[in-house]
Structures are given as structure tokens and as C-alpha cells.
Amino acid sequence: MFEAINWPADMVPSRSPIHFTNELEVAASPEKIWSLLVDHRAWPSFYPGVEHVELLDGHNSLRLGTQFETNLAGQDVFASVQEFEPMKRIAWGGYPKAAEGSKAYHAWIITPTPRGCHLWTEETMQGPFWIELAKPAPDVFWRTHEKLLADLAEVATGRAGAPQG
């Protein structure tokens, strides 16, 4: 049985018009996955659309309470790390700078398996800004996270750039 997300009360799936989950078995250790998720400099190598991540509080990697700015879903976003359990779970919540009333909460759970680990990522989004972005393609965020997991697995297993067979 996999662990559940520790949702903030105002971001639970039942209160969120956008909610999606993605999961993938990866032939990489939880430590390797964790090292990539907390290293903001690594994000552009696996996170679709991310070109930069700037930590705002002097940390050199993500940790509980770290505030950061990035460009997610084509939007400049402010976020902070709200869950942090090394090698097991991390989550951040934030909002697009263009629409502070629209919020998102993105959580990750890493579970060891005999061949590596199981990655579970789940996100809720609220507010008109995200809803408008999803109207042309309602599964856009889910598809982006499918690619995120695949790209993260490739980087973690050293297959990035390898021919697909």
C-alpha cells in the first residue's frame, strides 16, 4: 500500500476542479530520484518546460520551507516546499505570478521496490487561471506529468538521450 498525500485542507482533491495523478515504476534508487527532485539545477533536464528555478532563501537545494520561483506550465510561478521527508516525499504549493488567486499543490511519494522505486505524483489546481489553461486540452496537465515522470526516469537511469527501442 502506498502512502497518501498530506493535502492542505484548502487543496484537497474534493475541493479542486483540477486533480490528477501519475505513477511510474523506475529502475533507479529512491536516493537517485530524491537527489534529482531536490536539486533545482537538475530540473531543466527532466521537467517539461522548466528553464530555470531560483531559490529565494539562500538554500542550495530544496528543503522544508524553501521558497522558489520557476516557470511551470509556461507560467512564472512562486512556490514553497510544504512537505519534506528525505527519500520518501516532497510537496510544494504555489501560484502563478499572473494570478495569485489560482493555486496548485504538487506532491511526490517515492516508495522503494525490489528493482528501484515507485514514483507517485499528484496535483490539485484551483482558480480560473488554471481552468482557462486546461480548456483547450483538459488532459494537458496530466500529459505533462506523464512526460515529467518518463524524463525523470531517463535522467535517473542514465538513459537521457539514448535511442528509444
N, C-alpha and C. Protein backbone atom coordinates (compact mmCIF):
# COMPACT_ATOMS: atom_id res chain seq x y z
N MET A 1 0.85 -1.19 0.00
CA MET A 1 0.00 0.00 0.00
C MET A 1 0.89 1.24 0.00
N PHE A 2 0.54 2.18 -0.84
CA PHE A 2 1.32 3.41 -0.93
C PHE A 2 0.77 4.45 0.05
N GLU A 3 1.67 5.32 0.46
CA GLU A 3 1.27 6.39 1.38
C GLU A 3 0.35 7.37 0.67
N ALA A 4 -0.41 8.09 1.46
CA ALA A 4 -1.33 9.10 0.93
C ALA A 4 -0.66 10.48 0.98
N ILE A 5 -1.15 11.36 0.14
CA ILE A 5 -0.68 12.75 0.14
C ILE A 5 -1.24 13.44 1.38
N ASN A 6 -0.45 14.28 1.99
CA ASN A 6 -0.89 15.09 3.14
C ASN A 6 -1.37 16.44 2.61
N TRP A 7 -2.58 16.45 2.10
CA TRP A 7 -3.12 17.67 1.47
C TRP A 7 -3.36 18.78 2.48
N PRO A 8 -3.00 20.02 2.13
CA PRO A 8 -3.50 21.15 2.92
C PRO A 8 -5.04 21.15 2.81
N ALA A 9 -5.73 21.53 3.86
CA ALA A 9 -7.19 21.44 3.89
C ALA A 9 -7.85 22.14 2.70
N ASP A 10 -7.29 23.26 2.29
CA ASP A 10 -7.92 24.01 1.19
C ASP A 10 -7.55 23.49 -0.20
N MET A 11 -6.68 22.48 -0.28
CA MET A 11 -6.25 21.97 -1.58
C MET A 11 -6.62 20.50 -1.79
N VAL A 12 -7.44 19.93 -0.95
CA VAL A 12 -7.82 18.53 -1.10
C VAL A 12 -8.49 18.31 -2.45
N PRO A 13 -8.35 17.12 -3.02
CA PRO A 13 -8.94 16.85 -4.33
C PRO A 13 -10.44 17.16 -4.42
N SER A 14 -11.19 16.89 -3.37
CA SER A 14 -12.64 17.12 -3.44
C SER A 14 -13.00 18.60 -3.55
N ARG A 15 -12.07 19.48 -3.26
CA ARG A 15 -12.31 20.94 -3.37
C ARG A 15 -11.62 21.54 -4.60
N SER A 16 -11.01 20.70 -5.42
CA SER A 16 -10.19 21.19 -6.52
C SER A 16 -10.77 20.76 -7.87
N PRO A 17 -11.07 21.72 -8.75
CA PRO A 17 -11.63 21.36 -10.05
C PRO A 17 -10.63 20.64 -10.96
N ILE A 18 -9.34 20.80 -10.69
CA ILE A 18 -8.33 20.07 -11.45
C ILE A 18 -7.56 19.20 -10.46
N HIS A 19 -7.56 17.90 -10.75
CA HIS A 19 -6.87 16.92 -9.89
C HIS A 19 -6.41 15.78 -10.78
N PHE A 20 -5.15 15.42 -10.67
CA PHE A 20 -4.65 14.31 -11.47
C PHE A 20 -3.53 13.61 -10.74
N THR A 21 -3.34 12.34 -11.09
CA THR A 21 -2.28 11.52 -10.53
C THR A 21 -1.51 10.86 -11.67
N ASN A 22 -0.26 10.62 -11.42
CA ASN A 22 0.60 9.91 -12.37
C ASN A 22 1.52 9.03 -11.55
N GLU A 23 1.86 7.86 -12.10
CA GLU A 23 2.78 6.98 -11.39
C GLU A 23 3.62 6.21 -12.39
N LEU A 24 4.79 5.75 -11.90
CA LEU A 24 5.71 5.03 -12.76
C LEU A 24 6.67 4.22 -11.89
N GLU A 25 6.93 2.99 -12.32
CA GLU A 25 7.99 2.18 -11.72
C GLU A 25 9.30 2.59 -12.41
N VAL A 26 10.33 2.83 -11.62
CA VAL A 26 11.61 3.30 -12.16
C VAL A 26 12.74 2.42 -11.65
N ALA A 27 13.63 2.05 -12.54
CA ALA A 27 14.79 1.24 -12.18
C ALA A 27 15.91 2.13 -11.67
N ALA A 28 15.60 2.96 -10.69
CA ALA A 28 16.57 3.84 -10.05
C ALA A 28 16.24 3.86 -8.56
N SER A 29 17.26 4.06 -7.76
CA SER A 29 17.07 4.04 -6.31
C SER A 29 16.27 5.27 -5.85
N PRO A 30 15.59 5.15 -4.71
CA PRO A 30 14.93 6.33 -4.16
C PRO A 30 15.92 7.48 -3.94
N GLU A 31 17.15 7.16 -3.57
CA GLU A 31 18.17 8.20 -3.34
C GLU A 31 18.46 8.98 -4.62
N LYS A 32 18.54 8.27 -5.74
CA LYS A 32 18.81 8.94 -7.01
C LYS A 32 17.66 9.86 -7.41
N ILE A 33 16.43 9.34 -7.29
CA ILE A 33 15.25 10.16 -7.61
C ILE A 33 15.21 11.37 -6.70
N TRP A 34 15.40 11.15 -5.42
CA TRP A 34 15.37 12.24 -4.45
C TRP A 34 16.40 13.30 -4.80
N SER A 35 17.62 12.86 -5.14
CA SER A 35 18.68 13.83 -5.44
C SER A 35 18.30 14.72 -6.62
N LEU A 36 17.58 14.18 -7.58
CA LEU A 36 17.15 14.99 -8.73
C LEU A 36 16.01 15.93 -8.36
N LEU A 37 15.06 15.46 -7.56
CA LEU A 37 13.93 16.31 -7.19
C LEU A 37 14.34 17.50 -6.33
N VAL A 38 15.32 17.33 -5.46
CA VAL A 38 15.71 18.44 -4.59
C VAL A 38 16.77 19.34 -5.19
N ASP A 39 17.35 18.94 -6.32
CA ASP A 39 18.38 19.76 -6.98
C ASP A 39 17.72 20.63 -8.05
N HIS A 40 17.47 21.87 -7.70
CA HIS A 40 16.78 22.78 -8.62
C HIS A 40 17.55 22.97 -9.93
N ARG A 41 18.86 22.79 -9.90
CA ARG A 41 19.65 22.93 -11.13
C ARG A 41 19.39 21.77 -12.09
N ALA A 42 18.93 20.64 -11.58
CA ALA A 42 18.67 19.47 -12.43
C ALA A 42 17.30 19.53 -13.11
N TRP A 43 16.38 20.32 -12.57
CA TRP A 43 15.01 20.32 -13.10
C TRP A 43 14.93 20.52 -14.61
N PRO A 44 15.68 21.46 -15.21
CA PRO A 44 15.55 21.62 -16.67
C PRO A 44 15.87 20.35 -17.46
N SER A 45 16.60 19.41 -16.88
CA SER A 45 16.95 18.18 -17.60
C SER A 45 15.79 17.18 -17.65
N PHE A 46 14.76 17.35 -16.81
CA PHE A 46 13.66 16.39 -16.82
C PHE A 46 12.28 17.01 -16.68
N TYR A 47 12.17 18.25 -16.29
CA TYR A 47 10.86 18.86 -16.01
C TYR A 47 10.39 19.61 -17.26
N PRO A 48 9.36 19.12 -17.96
CA PRO A 48 8.93 19.76 -19.21
C PRO A 48 8.65 21.26 -19.05
N GLY A 49 9.29 22.05 -19.90
CA GLY A 49 9.06 23.48 -19.92
C GLY A 49 9.85 24.29 -18.92
N VAL A 50 10.51 23.64 -17.96
CA VAL A 50 11.27 24.38 -16.96
C VAL A 50 12.62 24.78 -17.54
N GLU A 51 12.88 26.07 -17.52
CA GLU A 51 14.17 26.57 -17.99
C GLU A 51 15.04 27.05 -16.83
N HIS A 52 14.42 27.41 -15.73
CA HIS A 52 15.17 27.90 -14.59
C HIS A 52 14.37 27.65 -13.31
N VAL A 53 15.10 27.55 -12.21
CA VAL A 53 14.50 27.52 -10.88
C VAL A 53 15.41 28.37 -10.01
N GLU A 54 14.84 29.36 -9.36
CA GLU A 54 15.62 30.24 -8.50
C GLU A 54 15.17 30.06 -7.06
N LEU A 55 16.07 29.63 -6.19
CA LEU A 55 15.76 29.52 -4.77
C LEU A 55 15.89 30.91 -4.16
N LEU A 56 14.91 31.27 -3.35
CA LEU A 56 14.82 32.66 -2.88
C LEU A 56 15.36 32.88 -1.47
N ASP A 57 15.81 31.83 -0.81
CA ASP A 57 16.19 31.99 0.59
C ASP A 57 17.60 31.50 0.90
N GLY A 58 18.46 31.47 -0.10
CA GLY A 58 19.86 31.16 0.15
C GLY A 58 20.19 29.68 0.24
N HIS A 59 19.20 28.80 0.14
CA HIS A 59 19.49 27.37 0.16
C HIS A 59 20.16 26.96 -1.15
N ASN A 60 20.89 25.85 -1.10
CA ASN A 60 21.48 25.35 -2.35
C ASN A 60 20.72 24.16 -2.91
N SER A 61 19.68 23.72 -2.21
CA SER A 61 18.78 22.68 -2.71
C SER A 61 17.45 22.84 -1.97
N LEU A 62 16.43 22.17 -2.50
CA LEU A 62 15.12 22.26 -1.85
C LEU A 62 15.16 21.60 -0.49
N ARG A 63 14.43 22.19 0.45
CA ARG A 63 14.26 21.64 1.80
C ARG A 63 12.95 22.21 2.34
N LEU A 64 12.51 21.75 3.47
CA LEU A 64 11.25 22.22 4.04
C LEU A 64 11.29 23.75 4.17
N GLY A 65 10.28 24.39 3.63
CA GLY A 65 10.17 25.84 3.72
C GLY A 65 10.85 26.61 2.61
N THR A 66 11.66 25.95 1.78
CA THR A 66 12.33 26.65 0.69
C THR A 66 11.31 27.34 -0.21
N GLN A 67 11.53 28.60 -0.47
CA GLN A 67 10.71 29.35 -1.41
C GLN A 67 11.47 29.45 -2.72
N PHE A 68 10.73 29.29 -3.83
CA PHE A 68 11.40 29.35 -5.12
C PHE A 68 10.48 29.91 -6.18
N GLU A 69 11.11 30.37 -7.26
CA GLU A 69 10.39 30.83 -8.44
C GLU A 69 10.85 29.98 -9.62
N THR A 70 9.92 29.65 -10.49
CA THR A 70 10.24 28.88 -11.68
C THR A 70 9.21 29.17 -12.75
N ASN A 71 9.34 28.49 -13.85
CA ASN A 71 8.37 28.61 -14.94
C ASN A 71 7.78 27.23 -15.18
N LEU A 72 6.59 27.00 -14.67
CA LEU A 72 5.88 25.74 -14.82
C LEU A 72 4.65 25.96 -15.67
N ALA A 73 4.33 25.01 -16.52
CA ALA A 73 3.15 25.11 -17.40
C ALA A 73 3.18 26.41 -18.20
N GLY A 74 4.39 26.86 -18.54
CA GLY A 74 4.53 28.07 -19.31
C GLY A 74 4.28 29.35 -18.53
N GLN A 75 4.21 29.22 -17.22
CA GLN A 75 3.88 30.37 -16.38
C GLN A 75 4.97 30.59 -15.34
N ASP A 76 5.24 31.84 -15.02
CA ASP A 76 6.13 32.15 -13.91
C ASP A 76 5.36 31.85 -12.63
N VAL A 77 5.97 31.03 -11.78
CA VAL A 77 5.29 30.52 -10.59
C VAL A 77 6.14 30.79 -9.36
N PHE A 78 5.47 31.15 -8.27
CA PHE A 78 6.10 31.23 -6.94
C PHE A 78 5.61 30.03 -6.16
N ALA A 79 6.51 29.34 -5.46
CA ALA A 79 6.10 28.17 -4.68
C ALA A 79 6.98 28.03 -3.45
N SER A 80 6.54 27.20 -2.53
CA SER A 80 7.34 26.87 -1.35
C SER A 80 7.16 25.39 -1.03
N VAL A 81 8.23 24.79 -0.52
CA VAL A 81 8.20 23.38 -0.14
C VAL A 81 7.42 23.25 1.16
N GLN A 82 6.38 22.44 1.13
CA GLN A 82 5.49 22.31 2.29
C GLN A 82 5.54 20.93 2.94
N GLU A 83 6.08 19.94 2.23
CA GLU A 83 6.33 18.62 2.80
C GLU A 83 7.73 18.22 2.42
N PHE A 84 8.43 17.59 3.35
CA PHE A 84 9.81 17.22 3.07
C PHE A 84 10.20 16.07 3.99
N GLU A 85 10.23 14.88 3.44
CA GLU A 85 10.67 13.70 4.17
C GLU A 85 11.69 13.01 3.27
N PRO A 86 12.98 13.21 3.54
CA PRO A 86 14.02 12.73 2.63
C PRO A 86 13.84 11.29 2.18
N MET A 87 14.02 11.11 0.88
CA MET A 87 13.91 9.84 0.17
C MET A 87 12.49 9.29 0.13
N LYS A 88 11.51 9.99 0.70
CA LYS A 88 10.15 9.46 0.74
C LYS A 88 9.10 10.37 0.13
N ARG A 89 9.12 11.65 0.47
CA ARG A 89 8.07 12.55 -0.02
C ARG A 89 8.53 13.99 -0.01
N ILE A 90 8.00 14.71 -0.99
CA ILE A 90 8.22 16.15 -1.08
C ILE A 90 6.99 16.75 -1.76
N ALA A 91 6.62 17.93 -1.34
CA ALA A 91 5.48 18.61 -1.96
C ALA A 91 5.70 20.10 -1.88
N TRP A 92 5.20 20.78 -2.89
CA TRP A 92 5.26 22.24 -2.89
C TRP A 92 3.91 22.79 -3.31
N GLY A 93 3.62 23.95 -2.80
CA GLY A 93 2.41 24.65 -3.16
C GLY A 93 2.77 26.03 -3.65
N GLY A 94 1.94 26.54 -4.56
CA GLY A 94 2.24 27.87 -5.06
C GLY A 94 1.16 28.40 -5.97
N TYR A 95 1.54 29.42 -6.71
CA TYR A 95 0.57 30.10 -7.58
C TYR A 95 1.31 30.78 -8.73
N PRO A 96 0.62 30.98 -9.85
CA PRO A 96 1.23 31.72 -10.95
C PRO A 96 1.30 33.20 -10.58
N LYS A 97 2.40 33.83 -10.90
CA LYS A 97 2.55 35.25 -10.57
C LYS A 97 1.49 36.10 -11.26
N ALA A 98 0.99 35.66 -12.41
CA ALA A 98 -0.03 36.40 -13.15
C ALA A 98 -1.41 36.31 -12.52
N ALA A 99 -1.59 35.37 -11.58
CA ALA A 99 -2.92 35.16 -10.99
C ALA A 99 -2.76 34.52 -9.61
N GLU A 100 -2.41 35.34 -8.63
CA GLU A 100 -2.13 34.83 -7.29
C GLU A 100 -3.31 34.12 -6.65
N GLY A 101 -4.53 34.37 -7.14
CA GLY A 101 -5.71 33.70 -6.59
C GLY A 101 -5.88 32.27 -7.06
N SER A 102 -5.11 31.87 -8.05
CA SER A 102 -5.15 30.49 -8.55
C SER A 102 -3.98 29.74 -7.91
N LYS A 103 -4.29 28.58 -7.31
CA LYS A 103 -3.28 27.86 -6.54
C LYS A 103 -3.08 26.44 -7.08
N ALA A 104 -1.92 25.88 -6.72
CA ALA A 104 -1.63 24.49 -7.05
C ALA A 104 -0.85 23.86 -5.90
N TYR A 105 -1.01 22.55 -5.75
CA TYR A 105 -0.26 21.79 -4.76
C TYR A 105 0.21 20.52 -5.45
N HIS A 106 1.54 20.32 -5.51
CA HIS A 106 2.14 19.20 -6.24
C HIS A 106 2.95 18.36 -5.26
N ALA A 107 2.56 17.09 -5.12
CA ALA A 107 3.21 16.19 -4.17
C ALA A 107 3.82 14.99 -4.87
N TRP A 108 4.88 14.48 -4.27
CA TRP A 108 5.59 13.29 -4.76
C TRP A 108 5.73 12.31 -3.61
N ILE A 109 5.52 11.03 -3.90
CA ILE A 109 5.82 9.97 -2.95
C ILE A 109 6.72 8.96 -3.65
N ILE A 110 7.82 8.62 -3.00
CA ILE A 110 8.80 7.68 -3.53
C ILE A 110 8.77 6.44 -2.64
N THR A 111 8.49 5.28 -3.24
CA THR A 111 8.41 4.04 -2.48
C THR A 111 9.43 3.06 -3.05
N PRO A 112 10.34 2.54 -2.20
CA PRO A 112 11.31 1.56 -2.69
C PRO A 112 10.61 0.30 -3.21
N THR A 113 11.19 -0.28 -4.27
CA THR A 113 10.72 -1.55 -4.81
C THR A 113 11.95 -2.44 -5.02
N PRO A 114 11.75 -3.72 -5.27
CA PRO A 114 12.91 -4.60 -5.49
C PRO A 114 13.81 -4.16 -6.66
N ARG A 115 13.24 -3.48 -7.65
CA ARG A 115 14.03 -3.08 -8.82
C ARG A 115 14.35 -1.59 -8.87
N GLY A 116 14.01 -0.84 -7.84
CA GLY A 116 14.25 0.60 -7.83
C GLY A 116 13.25 1.31 -6.95
N CYS A 117 12.28 1.98 -7.59
CA CYS A 117 11.26 2.65 -6.80
C CYS A 117 10.01 2.90 -7.62
N HIS A 118 8.95 3.15 -6.89
CA HIS A 118 7.66 3.53 -7.47
C HIS A 118 7.50 5.02 -7.20
N LEU A 119 7.25 5.78 -8.27
CA LEU A 119 7.01 7.21 -8.14
C LEU A 119 5.53 7.48 -8.27
N TRP A 120 5.00 8.24 -7.35
CA TRP A 120 3.61 8.68 -7.39
C TRP A 120 3.66 10.19 -7.30
N THR A 121 3.05 10.86 -8.26
CA THR A 121 2.94 12.30 -8.18
C THR A 121 1.48 12.67 -8.37
N GLU A 122 1.04 13.62 -7.59
CA GLU A 122 -0.37 14.01 -7.59
C GLU A 122 -0.45 15.51 -7.41
N GLU A 123 -1.40 16.11 -8.12
CA GLU A 123 -1.51 17.57 -8.04
C GLU A 123 -2.97 17.99 -8.06
N THR A 124 -3.24 19.05 -7.31
CA THR A 124 -4.53 19.71 -7.38
C THR A 124 -4.29 21.16 -7.79
N MET A 125 -5.26 21.71 -8.54
CA MET A 125 -5.17 23.08 -9.00
C MET A 125 -6.53 23.74 -8.85
N GLN A 126 -6.51 24.98 -8.45
CA GLN A 126 -7.74 25.73 -8.24
C GLN A 126 -7.59 27.12 -8.83
N GLY A 127 -8.72 27.66 -9.25
CA GLY A 127 -8.73 29.04 -9.71
C GLY A 127 -8.90 29.16 -11.21
N PRO A 128 -9.44 30.30 -11.63
CA PRO A 128 -9.77 30.49 -13.04
C PRO A 128 -8.57 30.44 -13.98
N PHE A 129 -7.41 30.83 -13.52
CA PHE A 129 -6.23 30.84 -14.37
C PHE A 129 -5.93 29.43 -14.88
N TRP A 130 -5.86 28.44 -13.99
CA TRP A 130 -5.56 27.05 -14.37
C TRP A 130 -6.70 26.47 -15.20
N ILE A 131 -7.93 26.79 -14.84
CA ILE A 131 -9.08 26.25 -15.58
C ILE A 131 -9.05 26.74 -17.02
N GLU A 132 -8.75 28.00 -17.23
CA GLU A 132 -8.67 28.53 -18.60
C GLU A 132 -7.55 27.86 -19.39
N LEU A 133 -6.40 27.61 -18.75
CA LEU A 133 -5.30 26.94 -19.44
C LEU A 133 -5.69 25.52 -19.87
N ALA A 134 -6.54 24.88 -19.08
CA ALA A 134 -6.92 23.49 -19.36
C ALA A 134 -8.06 23.37 -20.37
N LYS A 135 -8.80 24.43 -20.63
CA LYS A 135 -9.97 24.32 -21.50
C LYS A 135 -9.66 23.76 -22.89
N PRO A 136 -8.62 24.22 -23.58
CA PRO A 136 -8.38 23.68 -24.92
C PRO A 136 -7.99 22.20 -24.93
N ALA A 137 -7.37 21.72 -23.86
CA ALA A 137 -6.94 20.32 -23.77
C ALA A 137 -7.05 19.91 -22.30
N PRO A 138 -8.21 19.38 -21.90
CA PRO A 138 -8.44 19.08 -20.48
C PRO A 138 -7.41 18.16 -19.83
N ASP A 139 -6.70 17.35 -20.62
CA ASP A 139 -5.70 16.45 -20.03
C ASP A 139 -4.28 17.01 -20.13
N VAL A 140 -4.13 18.28 -20.43
CA VAL A 140 -2.81 18.87 -20.65
C VAL A 140 -1.89 18.70 -19.45
N PHE A 141 -2.38 18.90 -18.24
CA PHE A 141 -1.52 18.80 -17.06
C PHE A 141 -1.15 17.35 -16.80
N TRP A 142 -2.10 16.44 -16.98
CA TRP A 142 -1.82 15.02 -16.79
C TRP A 142 -0.75 14.57 -17.80
N ARG A 143 -0.91 14.94 -19.08
CA ARG A 143 0.06 14.56 -20.10
C ARG A 143 1.45 15.13 -19.80
N THR A 144 1.50 16.36 -19.33
CA THR A 144 2.78 16.98 -18.98
C THR A 144 3.46 16.19 -17.87
N HIS A 145 2.68 15.73 -16.90
CA HIS A 145 3.26 14.96 -15.80
C HIS A 145 3.65 13.55 -16.22
N GLU A 146 2.97 12.98 -17.21
CA GLU A 146 3.42 11.69 -17.76
C GLU A 146 4.80 11.86 -18.37
N LYS A 147 5.00 12.95 -19.12
CA LYS A 147 6.30 13.22 -19.71
C LYS A 147 7.33 13.51 -18.63
N LEU A 148 6.94 14.25 -17.61
CA LEU A 148 7.82 14.54 -16.48
C LEU A 148 8.34 13.24 -15.87
N LEU A 149 7.46 12.29 -15.59
CA LEU A 149 7.89 11.03 -15.00
C LEU A 149 8.82 10.26 -15.94
N ALA A 150 8.47 10.19 -17.21
CA ALA A 150 9.31 9.47 -18.18
C ALA A 150 10.69 10.12 -18.29
N ASP A 151 10.73 11.45 -18.35
CA ASP A 151 12.01 12.15 -18.46
C ASP A 151 12.83 12.01 -17.19
N LEU A 152 12.18 12.08 -16.04
CA LEU A 152 12.88 11.89 -14.76
C LEU A 152 13.48 10.49 -14.70
N ALA A 153 12.72 9.49 -15.13
CA ALA A 153 13.23 8.11 -15.13
C ALA A 153 14.44 7.99 -16.06
N GLU A 154 14.38 8.61 -17.22
CA GLU A 154 15.52 8.55 -18.16
C GLU A 154 16.77 9.19 -17.56
N VAL A 155 16.62 10.35 -16.95
CA VAL A 155 17.77 11.01 -16.34
C VAL A 155 18.30 10.17 -15.17
N ALA A 156 17.40 9.65 -14.35
CA ALA A 156 17.80 8.89 -13.17
C ALA A 156 18.53 7.59 -13.53
N THR A 157 18.16 6.99 -14.64
CA THR A 157 18.79 5.73 -15.02
C THR A 157 19.91 5.93 -16.03
N GLY A 158 20.22 7.18 -16.35
CA GLY A 158 21.32 7.47 -17.24
C GLY A 158 21.01 7.21 -18.70
N ARG A 159 19.71 7.13 -19.03
CA ARG A 159 19.34 6.85 -20.41
C ARG A 159 18.99 8.10 -21.20
N ALA A 160 19.08 9.27 -20.60
CA ALA A 160 18.71 10.50 -21.30
C ALA A 160 19.53 10.61 -22.58
N GLY A 161 18.84 10.83 -23.67
CA GLY A 161 19.50 10.96 -24.95
C GLY A 161 19.78 9.63 -25.62
N ALA A 162 19.51 8.51 -24.96
CA ALA A 162 19.72 7.20 -25.56
C ALA A 162 18.65 6.92 -26.60
N PRO A 163 18.99 6.19 -27.65
CA PRO A 163 17.97 5.87 -28.66
C PRO A 163 16.84 5.05 -28.05
N GLN A 164 15.63 5.34 -28.48
CA GLN A 164 14.47 4.60 -27.99
C GLN A 164 14.33 3.34 -28.84
N GLY A 165 14.04 2.20 -28.19
CA GLY A 165 13.95 0.98 -28.95
C GLY A 165 12.67 0.29 -28.86
